[in-house]
Amino acid sequence: MYRMTLALLGLLLFSGTAMAGIKVPFGVGERFTYDLYWTVIKAGNATLEVLPGEPIDGHETVHLHAKARTTPFIDTFYKVRNTIDSWADPDMKRAYKYFKSQREGTYEKDALVVFDWDEMKSRRYIKGDLRHELDLDGPYFDPLSILFNFRKHILYKTMRFSGPVTDGKVLVPGEAYVAGKNVIDTPIGEIDCFRVELETKHLSGVFRKSSKAKLVVWFSADDRRIPVKVKSKVAVGSFSMELTGYRPPDKPVASLP
């Protein structure tokens, strides 16, 4: 069984240029809940929410928080308690800070990535020690804030996307393609969705080791562009993340300048 947050991270690797005048379909108070499945077995659950941010270097931010955990049954084999936090520009123009805490079986690791936009660098720290420093040639996003940057875009069939993403170790050109539309049945009703196929050649772990790896994300075909379902296929099986609940933002969405 590979890491429970793989699908959650995998769906976040693409971006594009925002269109003026469109609505930002996210804000403080928005919350998603998901069930996680390994083949047909429910393996865990995940949440994703938007929280009030803290000022960073004088800049206003929004705080994105995601967590994944295994069920009590799976805990007996491989316990997972992972969290991801991102602080980004409220309009998702760039990221400011990214923190990932992994608790997977006996494996424990905390990684902090800080974006220094004055010096155009990102710095990755493990236990306070600087491990990686990268030169940035423009605005970059971490693997969580890129999802919300993508949600600013109006989707249509055959659209292609490419955008800059980094986890602090490597700079990745995230690539995706809007392949078509499907209706997805969820506990909150049927949702008309765009099916988005992500390029996996830049992803690590089991994606890199599988020649026929596939990662697909379904986003609601309305102005909210909710991530409804994620499904991955690799040599060792399939993994999915399915929406079970959604709470809208506390405040009405605003238009981009």
Protein backbone atom coordinates (compact mmCIF):
# COMPACT_ATOMS: atom_id res chain seq x y z
CA MET A 1 0.00 0.00 0.00
CA TYR A 2 1.53 3.33 -1.01
CA ARG A 3 1.18 6.59 0.86
CA MET A 4 -2.39 7.65 1.55
CA THR A 5 -1.90 11.26 0.48
CA LEU A 6 -0.57 10.38 -2.99
CA ALA A 7 -3.87 10.96 -4.77
CA LEU A 8 -4.50 14.15 -2.80
CA LEU A 9 -1.11 15.50 -3.86
CA GLY A 10 -1.27 14.16 -7.37
CA LEU A 11 -4.33 16.15 -8.33
CA LEU A 12 -2.58 19.42 -7.54
CA LEU A 13 0.05 19.57 -10.28
CA PHE A 14 -1.20 22.00 -12.89
CA SER A 15 -1.88 25.68 -13.42
CA GLY A 16 -2.40 28.39 -16.02
CA THR A 17 -2.99 32.12 -16.46
CA ALA A 18 -6.05 33.53 -14.73
CA MET A 19 -8.69 35.30 -16.80
CA ALA A 20 -9.72 38.79 -15.74
CA GLY A 21 -13.23 39.26 -14.43
CA ILE A 22 -13.96 35.64 -13.51
CA LYS A 23 -15.10 34.68 -10.03
CA VAL A 24 -12.87 33.14 -7.38
CA PRO A 25 -14.88 30.08 -6.25
CA PHE A 26 -13.16 29.66 -2.90
CA GLY A 27 -12.75 31.46 0.39
CA VAL A 28 -12.45 31.05 4.15
CA GLY A 29 -14.91 28.49 5.47
CA GLU A 30 -14.95 26.23 2.42
CA ARG A 31 -14.52 22.57 3.38
CA PHE A 32 -14.40 19.24 1.52
CA THR A 33 -14.58 15.71 2.94
CA TYR A 34 -13.55 12.54 1.08
CA ASP A 35 -13.47 8.78 1.46
CA LEU A 36 -10.25 7.06 0.36
CA TYR A 37 -10.31 3.64 -1.30
CA TRP A 38 -7.65 1.10 -2.17
CA THR A 39 -9.32 -0.91 -4.99
CA VAL A 40 -12.79 -1.54 -3.40
CA ILE A 41 -11.67 -1.34 0.24
CA LYS A 42 -12.33 1.84 2.18
CA ALA A 43 -8.90 2.68 3.52
CA GLY A 44 -9.36 6.10 5.09
CA ASN A 45 -10.77 9.59 4.85
CA ALA A 46 -9.47 13.05 4.02
CA THR A 47 -10.48 16.66 4.53
CA LEU A 48 -9.52 19.86 2.74
CA GLU A 49 -10.45 23.30 4.04
CA VAL A 50 -9.76 27.00 3.70
CA LEU A 51 -8.83 28.81 6.93
CA PRO A 52 -7.94 32.41 7.81
CA GLY A 53 -4.30 33.07 6.98
CA GLU A 54 -1.57 34.94 8.79
CA PRO A 55 0.46 37.82 7.30
CA ILE A 56 3.80 36.64 5.89
CA ASP A 57 6.47 39.25 5.10
CA GLY A 58 3.75 41.89 5.12
CA HIS A 59 1.55 40.02 2.64
CA GLU A 60 -2.00 38.84 3.31
CA THR A 61 -2.44 35.07 2.97
CA VAL A 62 -5.06 32.35 3.05
CA HIS A 63 -4.37 29.09 4.90
CA LEU A 64 -5.14 25.82 3.11
CA HIS A 65 -5.26 22.74 5.33
CA ALA A 66 -5.51 19.09 4.25
CA LYS A 67 -5.30 15.89 6.23
CA ALA A 68 -5.61 12.18 5.54
CA ARG A 69 -5.95 9.27 7.94
CA THR A 70 -6.56 5.56 7.70
CA THR A 71 -9.59 3.76 9.15
CA PRO A 72 -9.26 1.87 12.47
CA PHE A 73 -9.13 -1.41 10.52
CA ILE A 74 -6.30 -0.25 8.24
CA ASP A 75 -4.53 1.27 11.27
CA THR A 76 -3.79 -2.26 12.46
CA PHE A 77 -1.72 -2.84 9.30
CA TYR A 78 -0.43 0.58 8.26
CA LYS A 79 -1.45 3.65 10.26
CA VAL A 80 -1.42 6.97 8.43
CA ARG A 81 -1.86 10.46 9.93
CA ASN A 82 -0.71 13.02 7.35
CA THR A 83 -1.32 16.76 7.21
CA ILE A 84 -0.47 19.41 4.62
CA ASP A 85 -0.62 23.17 5.15
CA SER A 86 -0.13 25.93 2.62
CA TRP A 87 -0.14 29.70 2.96
CA ALA A 88 -0.72 31.49 -0.34
CA ASP A 89 -1.89 34.76 -1.86
CA PRO A 90 -5.72 35.01 -1.47
CA ASP A 91 -6.03 35.32 -5.26
CA MET A 92 -3.65 32.36 -5.70
CA LYS A 93 -0.95 34.26 -7.56
CA ARG A 94 1.89 32.56 -5.65
CA ALA A 95 2.68 30.53 -2.54
CA TYR A 96 4.44 31.79 0.60
CA LYS A 97 4.88 28.74 2.84
CA TYR A 98 4.25 24.99 2.71
CA PHE A 99 4.41 22.42 5.51
CA LYS A 100 3.95 18.66 5.24
CA SER A 101 3.80 16.31 8.22
CA GLN A 102 3.98 12.58 7.40
CA ARG A 103 3.12 9.84 9.87
CA GLU A 104 2.98 6.58 7.89
CA GLY A 105 3.57 3.35 9.77
CA THR A 106 6.94 3.76 11.48
CA TYR A 107 7.95 6.56 9.08
CA GLU A 108 7.88 10.14 10.38
CA LYS A 109 8.97 13.28 8.57
CA ASP A 110 8.17 17.00 8.71
CA ALA A 111 9.20 19.30 5.87
CA LEU A 112 8.87 23.09 5.66
CA VAL A 113 9.23 25.05 2.42
CA VAL A 114 9.59 28.83 2.57
CA PHE A 115 9.27 30.99 -0.55
CA ASP A 116 11.52 34.07 -0.54
CA TRP A 117 10.13 36.32 -3.28
CA ASP A 118 12.65 39.11 -2.64
CA GLU A 119 15.53 36.77 -3.50
CA MET A 120 13.41 34.55 -5.82
CA LYS A 121 14.31 31.35 -3.99
CA SER A 122 12.57 28.52 -2.19
CA ARG A 123 14.17 26.88 0.84
CA ARG A 124 13.26 23.47 2.23
CA TYR A 125 13.95 22.66 5.89
CA ILE A 126 13.93 19.35 7.76
CA LYS A 127 14.05 19.70 11.56
CA GLY A 128 15.24 23.26 11.12
CA ASP A 129 18.14 22.31 8.84
CA LEU A 130 18.25 23.73 5.30
CA ARG A 131 18.24 20.77 2.91
CA HIS A 132 17.34 22.29 -0.48
CA GLU A 133 17.49 25.75 -2.02
CA LEU A 134 16.06 26.39 -5.49
CA ASP A 135 16.17 29.41 -7.80
CA LEU A 136 12.72 30.53 -8.94
CA ASP A 137 12.25 32.13 -12.35
CA GLY A 138 8.70 33.32 -11.69
CA PRO A 139 5.64 32.70 -9.49
CA TYR A 140 5.54 29.13 -8.12
CA PHE A 141 2.98 27.12 -6.20
CA ASP A 142 3.28 24.27 -3.75
CA PRO A 143 1.38 20.99 -4.32
CA LEU A 144 -1.68 22.25 -2.40
CA SER A 145 -2.07 25.88 -3.48
CA ILE A 146 -1.82 24.88 -7.15
CA LEU A 147 -5.24 23.21 -6.85
CA PHE A 148 -6.87 26.50 -5.88
CA ASN A 149 -5.00 28.38 -8.59
CA PHE A 150 -6.45 25.94 -11.11
CA ARG A 151 -9.98 26.42 -9.77
CA LYS A 152 -9.90 30.04 -11.00
CA HIS A 153 -10.13 28.84 -14.63
CA ILE A 154 -13.18 28.27 -16.78
CA LEU A 155 -12.96 24.70 -18.06
CA TYR A 156 -13.87 23.29 -21.45
CA LYS A 157 -13.14 20.10 -23.36
CA THR A 158 -9.67 19.74 -24.95
CA MET A 159 -8.12 22.43 -22.70
CA ARG A 160 -4.44 21.87 -21.88
CA PHE A 161 -2.61 23.28 -18.88
CA SER A 162 0.96 23.66 -17.78
CA GLY A 163 2.25 25.47 -14.73
CA PRO A 164 5.08 25.73 -12.17
CA VAL A 165 4.95 23.58 -9.02
CA THR A 166 7.56 22.75 -6.40
CA ASP A 167 7.73 20.69 -3.21
CA GLY A 168 11.01 22.39 -2.34
CA LYS A 169 13.15 19.60 -3.78
CA VAL A 170 12.45 19.94 -7.51
CA LEU A 171 10.73 22.37 -9.87
CA VAL A 172 8.02 20.55 -11.82
CA PRO A 173 6.07 21.59 -14.94
CA GLY A 174 2.59 20.39 -14.02
CA GLU A 175 0.62 19.32 -17.10
CA ALA A 176 -3.03 18.36 -17.54
CA TYR A 177 -5.68 17.87 -20.23
CA VAL A 178 -9.48 18.22 -20.04
CA ALA A 179 -10.50 14.97 -21.73
CA GLY A 180 -14.29 15.09 -21.47
CA LYS A 181 -17.32 15.14 -19.15
CA ASN A 182 -18.98 12.60 -16.86
CA VAL A 183 -21.74 12.54 -14.27
CA ILE A 184 -20.36 11.39 -10.90
CA ASP A 185 -22.71 9.91 -8.31
CA THR A 186 -21.84 11.11 -4.79
CA PRO A 187 -23.50 11.03 -1.34
CA ILE A 188 -24.53 14.66 -1.92
CA GLY A 189 -26.09 13.89 -5.30
CA GLU A 190 -25.12 13.50 -8.95
CA ILE A 191 -22.56 16.07 -10.11
CA ASP A 192 -21.77 16.93 -13.73
CA CYS A 193 -17.96 16.97 -13.99
CA PHE A 194 -15.08 17.63 -16.33
CA ARG A 195 -12.62 14.72 -16.50
CA VAL A 196 -9.05 15.99 -16.25
CA GLU A 197 -6.12 13.70 -17.05
CA LEU A 198 -2.79 14.56 -15.40
CA GLU A 199 0.63 13.85 -16.80
CA THR A 200 2.44 11.47 -14.42
CA LYS A 201 5.98 11.53 -15.84
CA HIS A 202 7.08 14.16 -13.32
CA LEU A 203 5.52 12.43 -10.30
CA SER A 204 7.59 10.31 -7.93
CA GLY A 205 6.97 7.04 -6.14
CA VAL A 206 4.78 4.37 -7.73
CA PHE A 207 3.87 6.66 -10.65
CA ARG A 208 7.50 6.81 -11.71
CA LYS A 209 7.85 3.03 -11.42
CA SER A 210 4.70 2.22 -13.43
CA SER A 211 4.87 2.44 -17.23
CA LYS A 212 1.05 2.58 -17.54
CA ALA A 213 0.39 4.86 -14.58
CA LYS A 214 -2.70 7.05 -14.87
CA LEU A 215 -4.11 9.84 -12.74
CA VAL A 216 -7.55 11.35 -13.39
CA VAL A 217 -9.43 14.09 -11.52
CA TRP A 218 -13.09 15.04 -11.93
CA PHE A 219 -13.98 18.71 -11.27
CA SER A 220 -17.57 19.95 -11.05
CA ALA A 221 -18.66 21.57 -14.31
CA ASP A 222 -19.94 24.75 -12.65
CA ASP A 223 -18.31 27.94 -11.45
CA ARG A 224 -17.20 26.26 -8.18
CA ARG A 225 -14.95 23.69 -9.94
CA ILE A 226 -15.06 21.36 -6.94
CA PRO A 227 -12.58 18.44 -6.96
CA VAL A 228 -15.17 15.65 -6.82
CA LYS A 229 -13.15 12.50 -7.45
CA VAL A 230 -9.57 11.37 -7.97
CA LYS A 231 -8.58 8.01 -9.38
CA SER A 232 -5.11 6.63 -9.95
CA LYS A 233 -3.99 3.44 -11.62
CA VAL A 234 -0.53 1.98 -11.15
CA ALA A 235 1.13 -1.42 -11.41
CA VAL A 236 0.17 -2.37 -7.86
CA GLY A 237 -3.54 -1.53 -8.17
CA SER A 238 -5.87 1.46 -8.06
CA PHE A 239 -6.59 4.19 -5.55
CA SER A 240 -9.49 6.65 -5.42
CA MET A 241 -10.63 9.65 -3.42
CA GLU A 242 -14.38 10.38 -3.52
CA LEU A 243 -16.26 13.44 -2.29
CA THR A 244 -18.66 12.82 0.60
CA GLY A 245 -19.41 16.37 1.76
CA TYR A 246 -19.00 20.03 0.80
CA ARG A 247 -19.43 23.30 2.70
CA PRO A 248 -19.28 26.58 0.72
CA PRO A 249 -17.20 29.63 1.74
CA ASP A 250 -18.48 31.90 4.52
CA LYS A 251 -18.52 34.92 2.20
CA PRO A 252 -19.71 35.32 -1.40
CA VAL A 253 -17.01 34.84 -4.03
CA ALA A 254 -15.32 37.93 -5.45
CA SER A 255 -14.24 38.75 -8.98
CA LEU A 256 -10.61 38.81 -9.96
CA PRO A 257 -9.25 42.21 -11.00
